[in-house]
Amino acid sequence: EKLSECNSDKLMEIIAESDYYVKSTVLRTS
C-alpha cells in the first residue's frame, strides 16, 4: 500500500536503481 503514496519520480528512481543490479540484455534497446 505504501507504493500508492509514491510519486512518479520515486517510481522512476526504483526503476533506475534496478539498472545497477540487473544484467544487461545486450539487445537493441527500445
Full PDB file with SEQRES, HELIX, SHEET, SSBOND, CRYST1, ORIGX, SCALE, CONECT and MASTER records, all heavy atoms in Angstrom:
SEQRES   1 A   30  GLU LYS LEU SER GLU CYS ASN SER ASP LYS LEU MET GLU          
SEQRES   2 A   30  ILE ILE ALA GLU SER ASP TYR TYR VAL LYS SER THR VAL          
SEQRES   3 A   30  LEU ARG THR SER                                              
HELIX    1 AA1 LYS A    2  GLU A    5  5                                   4    
HELIX    2 AA2 SER A    8  SER A   18  1                                  11    
CRYST1    1.000    1.000    1.000  90.00  90.00  90.00 P 1           1          
ORIGX1      1.000000  0.000000  0.000000        0.00000                         
ORIGX2      0.000000  1.000000  0.000000        0.00000                         
ORIGX3      0.000000  0.000000  1.000000        0.00000                         
SCALE1      1.000000  0.000000  0.000000        0.00000                         
SCALE2      0.000000  1.000000  0.000000        0.00000                         
SCALE3      0.000000  0.000000  1.000000        0.00000                         
ATOM      1  N   GLU A   1       0.816  -1.223   0.000  1.00  0.00           N  
ATOM      2  CA  GLU A   1       0.000   0.000   0.000  1.00  0.00           C  
ATOM      3  C   GLU A   1       0.848   1.270   0.000  1.00  0.00           C  
ATOM      4  O   GLU A   1       0.444   2.301  -0.526  1.00  0.00           O  
ATOM      5  CB  GLU A   1      -0.941   0.017   1.221  1.00  0.00           C  
ATOM      6  CG  GLU A   1      -2.001  -1.045   1.202  1.00  0.00           C  
ATOM      7  CD  GLU A   1      -3.138  -0.746   0.249  1.00  0.00           C  
ATOM      8  OE1 GLU A   1      -3.303   0.410  -0.179  1.00  0.00           O  
ATOM      9  OE2 GLU A   1      -3.868  -1.701  -0.076  1.00  0.00           O  
ATOM     10  N   LYS A   2       2.052   1.213   0.606  1.00  0.00           N  
ATOM     11  CA  LYS A   2       2.913   2.399   0.669  1.00  0.00           C  
ATOM     12  C   LYS A   2       3.299   2.888  -0.725  1.00  0.00           C  
ATOM     13  O   LYS A   2       3.561   4.062  -0.911  1.00  0.00           O  
ATOM     14  CB  LYS A   2       4.175   2.128   1.494  1.00  0.00           C  
ATOM     15  CG  LYS A   2       3.919   1.957   2.970  1.00  0.00           C  
ATOM     16  CD  LYS A   2       5.206   1.833   3.736  1.00  0.00           C  
ATOM     17  CE  LYS A   2       5.727   0.423   3.577  1.00  0.00           C  
ATOM     18  NZ  LYS A   2       6.935   0.142   4.349  1.00  0.00           N  
ATOM     19  N   LEU A   3       3.316   1.989  -1.686  1.00  0.00           N  
ATOM     20  CA  LEU A   3       3.688   2.368  -3.038  1.00  0.00           C  
ATOM     21  C   LEU A   3       2.681   3.334  -3.653  1.00  0.00           C  
ATOM     22  O   LEU A   3       3.028   4.134  -4.510  1.00  0.00           O  
ATOM     23  CB  LEU A   3       3.826   1.125  -3.916  1.00  0.00           C  
ATOM     24  CG  LEU A   3       4.705   1.302  -5.129  1.00  0.00           C  
ATOM     25  CD1 LEU A   3       6.138   1.596  -4.714  1.00  0.00           C  
ATOM     26  CD2 LEU A   3       4.657   0.093  -6.005  1.00  0.00           C  
ATOM     27  N   SER A   4       1.441   3.291  -3.200  1.00  0.00           N  
ATOM     28  CA  SER A   4       0.422   4.202  -3.728  1.00  0.00           C  
ATOM     29  C   SER A   4       0.740   5.647  -3.374  1.00  0.00           C  
ATOM     30  O   SER A   4       0.261   6.576  -4.017  1.00  0.00           O  
ATOM     31  CB  SER A   4      -0.965   3.825  -3.215  1.00  0.00           C  
ATOM     32  OG  SER A   4      -1.057   4.035  -1.818  1.00  0.00           O  
ATOM     33  N   GLU A   5       1.572   5.852  -2.359  1.00  0.00           N  
ATOM     34  CA  GLU A   5       1.955   7.200  -1.949  1.00  0.00           C  
ATOM     35  C   GLU A   5       3.163   7.720  -2.721  1.00  0.00           C  
ATOM     36  O   GLU A   5       3.504   8.889  -2.618  1.00  0.00           O  
ATOM     37  CB  GLU A   5       2.272   7.210  -0.449  1.00  0.00           C  
ATOM     38  CG  GLU A   5       1.092   6.789   0.398  1.00  0.00           C  
ATOM     39  CD  GLU A   5       1.469   6.513   1.843  1.00  0.00           C  
ATOM     40  OE1 GLU A   5       2.615   6.796   2.228  1.00  0.00           O  
ATOM     41  OE2 GLU A   5       0.607   6.010   2.574  1.00  0.00           O  
ATOM     42  N   CYS A   6       3.801   6.856  -3.499  1.00  0.00           N  
ATOM     43  CA  CYS A   6       4.983   7.252  -4.267  1.00  0.00           C  
ATOM     44  C   CYS A   6       4.572   8.091  -5.479  1.00  0.00           C  
ATOM     45  O   CYS A   6       3.612   7.770  -6.168  1.00  0.00           O  
ATOM     46  CB  CYS A   6       5.744   6.027  -4.776  1.00  0.00           C  
ATOM     47  SG  CYS A   6       6.586   5.108  -3.498  1.00  0.00           S  
ATOM     48  N   ASN A   7       5.344   9.149  -5.719  1.00  0.00           N  
ATOM     49  CA  ASN A   7       5.101   9.929  -6.927  1.00  0.00           C  
ATOM     50  C   ASN A   7       5.888   9.313  -8.080  1.00  0.00           C  
ATOM     51  O   ASN A   7       6.646   8.361  -7.907  1.00  0.00           O  
ATOM     52  CB  ASN A   7       5.453  11.400  -6.710  1.00  0.00           C  
ATOM     53  CG  ASN A   7       6.916  11.610  -6.361  1.00  0.00           C  
ATOM     54  OD1 ASN A   7       7.767  10.772  -6.658  1.00  0.00           O  
ATOM     55  ND2 ASN A   7       7.222  12.724  -5.735  1.00  0.00           N  
ATOM     56  N   SER A   8       5.721   9.848  -9.260  1.00  0.00           N  
ATOM     57  CA  SER A   8       6.380   9.305 -10.451  1.00  0.00           C  
ATOM     58  C   SER A   8       7.894   9.342 -10.329  1.00  0.00           C  
ATOM     59  O   SER A   8       8.582   8.425 -10.794  1.00  0.00           O  
ATOM     60  CB  SER A   8       5.943  10.079 -11.692  1.00  0.00           C  
ATOM     61  OG  SER A   8       4.571   9.879 -11.925  1.00  0.00           O  
ATOM     62  N   ASP A   9       8.444  10.390  -9.698  1.00  0.00           N  
ATOM     63  CA  ASP A   9       9.897  10.483  -9.538  1.00  0.00           C  
ATOM     64  C   ASP A   9      10.437   9.336  -8.689  1.00  0.00           C  
ATOM     65  O   ASP A   9      11.484   8.771  -8.993  1.00  0.00           O  
ATOM     66  CB  ASP A   9      10.292  11.816  -8.905  1.00  0.00           C  
ATOM     67  CG  ASP A   9      10.106  12.989  -9.851  1.00  0.00           C  
ATOM     68  OD1 ASP A   9      10.035  12.766 -11.073  1.00  0.00           O  
ATOM     69  OD2 ASP A   9      10.036  14.137  -9.357  1.00  0.00           O  
ATOM     70  N   LYS A  10       9.738   8.979  -7.628  1.00  0.00           N  
ATOM     71  CA  LYS A  10      10.184   7.896  -6.759  1.00  0.00           C  
ATOM     72  C   LYS A  10      10.110   6.555  -7.494  1.00  0.00           C  
ATOM     73  O   LYS A  10      11.024   5.724  -7.389  1.00  0.00           O  
ATOM     74  CB  LYS A  10       9.349   7.857  -5.475  1.00  0.00           C  
ATOM     75  CG  LYS A  10       9.740   6.750  -4.515  1.00  0.00           C  
ATOM     76  CD  LYS A  10      11.175   6.890  -4.038  1.00  0.00           C  
ATOM     77  CE  LYS A  10      11.520   5.777  -3.071  1.00  0.00           C  
ATOM     78  NZ  LYS A  10      12.949   5.711  -2.815  1.00  0.00           N  
ATOM     79  N   LEU A  11       9.044   6.337  -8.251  1.00  0.00           N  
ATOM     80  CA  LEU A  11       8.925   5.103  -9.009  1.00  0.00           C  
ATOM     81  C   LEU A  11      10.022   5.023 -10.072  1.00  0.00           C  
ATOM     82  O   LEU A  11      10.610   3.960 -10.292  1.00  0.00           O  
ATOM     83  CB  LEU A  11       7.544   4.997  -9.652  1.00  0.00           C  
ATOM     84  CG  LEU A  11       6.379   4.823  -8.686  1.00  0.00           C  
ATOM     85  CD1 LEU A  11       5.058   4.861  -9.441  1.00  0.00           C  
ATOM     86  CD2 LEU A  11       6.514   3.525  -7.906  1.00  0.00           C  
ATOM     87  N   MET A  12      10.326   6.148 -10.702  1.00  0.00           N  
ATOM     88  CA  MET A  12      11.400   6.183 -11.702  1.00  0.00           C  
ATOM     89  C   MET A  12      12.748   5.891 -11.049  1.00  0.00           C  
ATOM     90  O   MET A  12      13.596   5.205 -11.626  1.00  0.00           O  
ATOM     91  CB  MET A  12      11.433   7.545 -12.399  1.00  0.00           C  
ATOM     92  CG  MET A  12      12.381   7.585 -13.570  1.00  0.00           C  
ATOM     93  SD  MET A  12      11.967   6.415 -14.880  1.00  0.00           S  
ATOM     94  CE  MET A  12      10.574   7.212 -15.613  1.00  0.00           C  
ATOM     95  N   GLU A  13      12.931   6.373  -9.843  1.00  0.00           N  
ATOM     96  CA  GLU A  13      14.159   6.098  -9.096  1.00  0.00           C  
ATOM     97  C   GLU A  13      14.303   4.595  -8.825  1.00  0.00           C  
ATOM     98  O   GLU A  13      15.395   4.035  -8.945  1.00  0.00           O  
ATOM     99  CB  GLU A  13      14.124   6.877  -7.778  1.00  0.00           C  
ATOM    100  CG  GLU A  13      15.382   6.810  -6.972  1.00  0.00           C  
ATOM    101  CD  GLU A  13      15.257   7.636  -5.705  1.00  0.00           C  
ATOM    102  OE1 GLU A  13      14.940   8.835  -5.808  1.00  0.00           O  
ATOM    103  OE2 GLU A  13      15.478   7.069  -4.614  1.00  0.00           O  
ATOM    104  N   ILE A  14      13.209   3.940  -8.486  1.00  0.00           N  
ATOM    105  CA  ILE A  14      13.226   2.493  -8.239  1.00  0.00           C  
ATOM    106  C   ILE A  14      13.615   1.749  -9.510  1.00  0.00           C  
ATOM    107  O   ILE A  14      14.438   0.834  -9.481  1.00  0.00           O  
ATOM    108  CB  ILE A  14      11.857   2.019  -7.707  1.00  0.00           C  
ATOM    109  CG1 ILE A  14      11.620   2.573  -6.304  1.00  0.00           C  
ATOM    110  CG2 ILE A  14      11.770   0.497  -7.711  1.00  0.00           C  
ATOM    111  CD1 ILE A  14      10.205   2.395  -5.796  1.00  0.00           C  
ATOM    112  N   ILE A  15      13.047   2.153 -10.643  1.00  0.00           N  
ATOM    113  CA  ILE A  15      13.375   1.515 -11.915  1.00  0.00           C  
ATOM    114  C   ILE A  15      14.838   1.771 -12.274  1.00  0.00           C  
ATOM    115  O   ILE A  15      15.561   0.860 -12.672  1.00  0.00           O  
ATOM    116  CB  ILE A  15      12.443   2.017 -13.040  1.00  0.00           C  
ATOM    117  CG1 ILE A  15      11.003   1.587 -12.780  1.00  0.00           C  
ATOM    118  CG2 ILE A  15      12.923   1.537 -14.403  1.00  0.00           C  
ATOM    119  CD1 ILE A  15      10.789   0.100 -12.712  1.00  0.00           C  
ATOM    120  N   ALA A  16      15.296   3.012 -12.132  1.00  0.00           N  
ATOM    121  CA  ALA A  16      16.687   3.345 -12.461  1.00  0.00           C  
ATOM    122  C   ALA A  16      17.657   2.587 -11.560  1.00  0.00           C  
ATOM    123  O   ALA A  16      18.704   2.113 -12.018  1.00  0.00           O  
ATOM    124  CB  ALA A  16      16.902   4.846 -12.341  1.00  0.00           C  
ATOM    125  N   GLU A  17      17.312   2.455 -10.286  1.00  0.00           N  
ATOM    126  CA  GLU A  17      18.162   1.723  -9.337  1.00  0.00           C  
ATOM    127  C   GLU A  17      18.325   0.261  -9.754  1.00  0.00           C  
ATOM    128  O   GLU A  17      19.393  -0.330  -9.567  1.00  0.00           O  
ATOM    129  CB  GLU A  17      17.530   1.803  -7.952  1.00  0.00           C  
ATOM    130  CG  GLU A  17      18.320   1.151  -6.855  1.00  0.00           C  
ATOM    131  CD  GLU A  17      17.595   1.268  -5.531  1.00  0.00           C  
ATOM    132  OE1 GLU A  17      17.626   2.372  -4.948  1.00  0.00           O  
ATOM    133  OE2 GLU A  17      16.999   0.268  -5.089  1.00  0.00           O  
ATOM    134  N   SER A  18      17.311  -0.301 -10.352  1.00  0.00           N  
ATOM    135  CA  SER A  18      17.395  -1.708 -10.767  1.00  0.00           C  
ATOM    136  C   SER A  18      18.482  -1.910 -11.817  1.00  0.00           C  
ATOM    137  O   SER A  18      19.041  -3.008 -11.929  1.00  0.00           O  
ATOM    138  CB  SER A  18      16.044  -2.200 -11.293  1.00  0.00           C  
ATOM    139  OG  SER A  18      15.746  -1.627 -12.556  1.00  0.00           O  
ATOM    140  N   ASP A  19      18.803  -0.876 -12.581  1.00  0.00           N  
ATOM    141  CA  ASP A  19      19.851  -0.991 -13.602  1.00  0.00           C  
ATOM    142  C   ASP A  19      21.200  -1.377 -13.011  1.00  0.00           C  
ATOM    143  O   ASP A  19      22.028  -1.962 -13.698  1.00  0.00           O  
ATOM    144  CB  ASP A  19      20.004   0.316 -14.379  1.00  0.00           C  
ATOM    145  CG  ASP A  19      18.859   0.541 -15.357  1.00  0.00           C  
ATOM    146  OD1 ASP A  19      18.152  -0.432 -15.686  1.00  0.00           O  
ATOM    147  OD2 ASP A  19      18.689   1.690 -15.794  1.00  0.00           O  
ATOM    148  N   TYR A  20      21.428  -1.041 -11.758  1.00  0.00           N  
ATOM    149  CA  TYR A  20      22.695  -1.377 -11.117  1.00  0.00           C  
ATOM    150  C   TYR A  20      22.787  -2.861 -10.761  1.00  0.00           C  
ATOM    151  O   TYR A  20      23.874  -3.373 -10.536  1.00  0.00           O  
ATOM    152  CB  TYR A  20      22.902  -0.548  -9.843  1.00  0.00           C  
ATOM    153  CG  TYR A  20      23.106   0.913 -10.117  1.00  0.00           C  
ATOM    154  CD1 TYR A  20      22.116   1.837  -9.805  1.00  0.00           C  
ATOM    155  CD2 TYR A  20      24.282   1.384 -10.691  1.00  0.00           C  
ATOM    156  CE1 TYR A  20      22.294   3.188 -10.061  1.00  0.00           C  
ATOM    157  CE2 TYR A  20      24.470   2.733 -10.950  1.00  0.00           C  
ATOM    158  CZ  TYR A  20      23.469   3.622 -10.633  1.00  0.00           C  
ATOM    159  OH  TYR A  20      23.652   4.960 -10.893  1.00  0.00           O  
ATOM    160  N   TYR A  21      21.658  -3.536 -10.701  1.00  0.00           N  
ATOM    161  CA  TYR A  21      21.627  -4.917 -10.225  1.00  0.00           C  
ATOM    162  C   TYR A  21      21.175  -5.939 -11.277  1.00  0.00           C  
ATOM    163  O   TYR A  21      21.383  -7.134 -11.090  1.00  0.00           O  
ATOM    164  CB  TYR A  21      20.710  -5.032  -9.005  1.00  0.00           C  
ATOM    165  CG  TYR A  21      21.132  -4.113  -7.903  1.00  0.00           C  
ATOM    166  CD1 TYR A  21      20.495  -2.893  -7.701  1.00  0.00           C  
ATOM    167  CD2 TYR A  21      22.208  -4.432  -7.082  1.00  0.00           C  
ATOM    168  CE1 TYR A  21      20.909  -2.034  -6.692  1.00  0.00           C  
ATOM    169  CE2 TYR A  21      22.622  -3.575  -6.080  1.00  0.00           C  
ATOM    170  CZ  TYR A  21      21.964  -2.379  -5.891  1.00  0.00           C  
ATOM    171  OH  TYR A  21      22.375  -1.520  -4.906  1.00  0.00           O  
ATOM    172  N   VAL A  22      20.565  -5.465 -12.339  1.00  0.00           N  
ATOM    173  CA  VAL A  22      20.050  -6.349 -13.381  1.00  0.00           C  
ATOM    174  C   VAL A  22      21.071  -6.428 -14.513  1.00  0.00           C  
ATOM    175  O   VAL A  22      21.604  -5.412 -14.942  1.00  0.00           O  
ATOM    176  CB  VAL A  22      18.690  -5.828 -13.906  1.00  0.00           C  
ATOM    177  CG1 VAL A  22      18.219  -6.630 -15.093  1.00  0.00           C  
ATOM    178  CG2 VAL A  22      17.652  -5.856 -12.804  1.00  0.00           C  
ATOM    179  N   LYS A  23      21.331  -7.646 -14.993  1.00  0.00           N  
ATOM    180  CA  LYS A  23      22.273  -7.828 -16.094  1.00  0.00           C  
ATOM    181  C   LYS A  23      21.779  -7.104 -17.341  1.00  0.00           C  
ATOM    182  O   LYS A  23      20.575  -6.948 -17.552  1.00  0.00           O  
ATOM    183  CB  LYS A  23      22.421  -9.311 -16.430  1.00  0.00           C  
ATOM    184  CG  LYS A  23      22.981 -10.161 -15.341  1.00  0.00           C  
ATOM    185  CD  LYS A  23      23.161 -11.592 -15.797  1.00  0.00           C  
ATOM    186  CE  LYS A  23      21.862 -12.185 -16.282  1.00  0.00           C  
ATOM    187  NZ  LYS A  23      21.923 -13.599 -16.621  1.00  0.00           N  
ATOM    188  N   SER A  24      22.724  -6.710 -18.180  1.00  0.00           N  
ATOM    189  CA  SER A  24      22.332  -6.116 -19.459  1.00  0.00           C  
ATOM    190  C   SER A  24      21.833  -7.228 -20.375  1.00  0.00           C  
ATOM    191  O   SER A  24      22.241  -8.381 -20.270  1.00  0.00           O  
ATOM    192  CB  SER A  24      23.501  -5.360 -20.093  1.00  0.00           C  
ATOM    193  OG  SER A  24      24.564  -6.231 -20.365  1.00  0.00           O  
ATOM    194  N   THR A  25      20.961  -6.872 -21.296  1.00  0.00           N  
ATOM    195  CA  THR A  25      20.393  -7.860 -22.214  1.00  0.00           C  
ATOM    196  C   THR A  25      21.226  -8.005 -23.481  1.00  0.00           C  
ATOM    197  O   THR A  25      21.081  -8.973 -24.203  1.00  0.00           O  
ATOM    198  CB  THR A  25      18.966  -7.467 -22.628  1.00  0.00           C  
ATOM    199  OG1 THR A  25      19.032  -6.239 -23.369  1.00  0.00           O  
ATOM    200  CG2 THR A  25      18.054  -7.317 -21.420  1.00  0.00           C  
ATOM    201  N   VAL A  26      22.054  -7.026 -23.780  1.00  0.00           N  
ATOM    202  CA  VAL A  26      22.887  -6.959 -24.975  1.00  0.00           C  
ATOM    203  C   VAL A  26      22.021  -6.895 -26.246  1.00  0.00           C  
ATOM    204  O   VAL A  26      22.467  -7.190 -27.338  1.00  0.00           O  
ATOM    205  CB  VAL A  26      23.901  -8.130 -25.052  1.00  0.00           C  
ATOM    206  CG1 VAL A  26      24.966  -7.865 -26.092  1.00  0.00           C  
ATOM    207  CG2 VAL A  26      24.564  -8.379 -23.711  1.00  0.00           C  
ATOM    208  N   LEU A  27      20.778  -6.501 -26.105  1.00  0.00           N  
ATOM    209  CA  LEU A  27      19.854  -6.383 -27.233  1.00  0.00           C  
ATOM    210  C   LEU A  27      19.687  -4.917 -27.623  1.00  0.00           C  
ATOM    211  O   LEU A  27      19.993  -4.010 -26.841  1.00  0.00           O  
ATOM    212  CB  LEU A  27      18.488  -6.965 -26.853  1.00  0.00           C  
ATOM    213  CG  LEU A  27      18.461  -8.456 -26.555  1.00  0.00           C  
ATOM    214  CD1 LEU A  27      17.125  -8.848 -25.955  1.00  0.00           C  
ATOM    215  CD2 LEU A  27      18.741  -9.252 -27.820  1.00  0.00           C  
ATOM    216  N   ARG A  28      19.179  -4.685 -28.811  1.00  0.00           N  
ATOM    217  CA  ARG A  28      18.869  -3.328 -29.262  1.00  0.00           C  
ATOM    218  C   ARG A  28      17.759  -2.772 -28.368  1.00  0.00           C  
ATOM    219  O   ARG A  28      16.738  -3.434 -28.154  1.00  0.00           O  
ATOM    220  CB  ARG A  28      18.434  -3.353 -30.712  1.00  0.00           C  
ATOM    221  CG  ARG A  28      18.201  -1.983 -31.281  1.00  0.00           C  
ATOM    222  CD  ARG A  28      17.742  -2.078 -32.740  1.00  0.00           C  
ATOM    223  NE  ARG A  28      17.808  -0.768 -33.319  1.00  0.00           N  
ATOM    224  CZ  ARG A  28      18.813  -0.321 -34.040  1.00  0.00           C  
ATOM    225  NH1 ARG A  28      19.832  -1.109 -34.308  1.00  0.00           N  
ATOM    226  NH2 ARG A  28      18.806   0.901 -34.514  1.00  0.00           N  
ATOM    227  N   THR A  29      17.966  -1.587 -27.831  1.00  0.00           N  
ATOM    228  CA  THR A  29      17.003  -1.017 -26.890  1.00  0.00           C  
ATOM    229  C   THR A  29      15.794  -0.421 -27.615  1.00  0.00           C  
ATOM    230  O   THR A  29      15.828  -0.168 -28.818  1.00  0.00           O  
ATOM    231  CB  THR A  29      17.649   0.084 -26.028  1.00  0.00           C  
ATOM    232  OG1 THR A  29      18.175   1.091 -26.886  1.00  0.00           O  
ATOM    233  CG2 THR A  29      18.738  -0.473 -25.152  1.00  0.00           C  
ATOM    234  N   SER A  30      14.764  -0.200 -26.846  1.00  0.00           N  
ATOM    235  CA  SER A  30      13.558   0.467 -27.327  1.00  0.00           C  
ATOM    236  C   SER A  30      12.940   1.185 -26.137  1.00  0.00           C  
ATOM    237  O   SER A  30      13.273   0.904 -24.988  1.00  0.00           O  
ATOM    238  CB  SER A  30      12.578  -0.548 -27.919  1.00  0.00           C  
ATOM    239  OG  SER A  30      12.188  -1.483 -26.950  1.00  0.00           O  
TER     240      SER A  30                                                      
MASTER        0    0    0    2    0    0    0    6  239    1    0    3          
END                                                                             
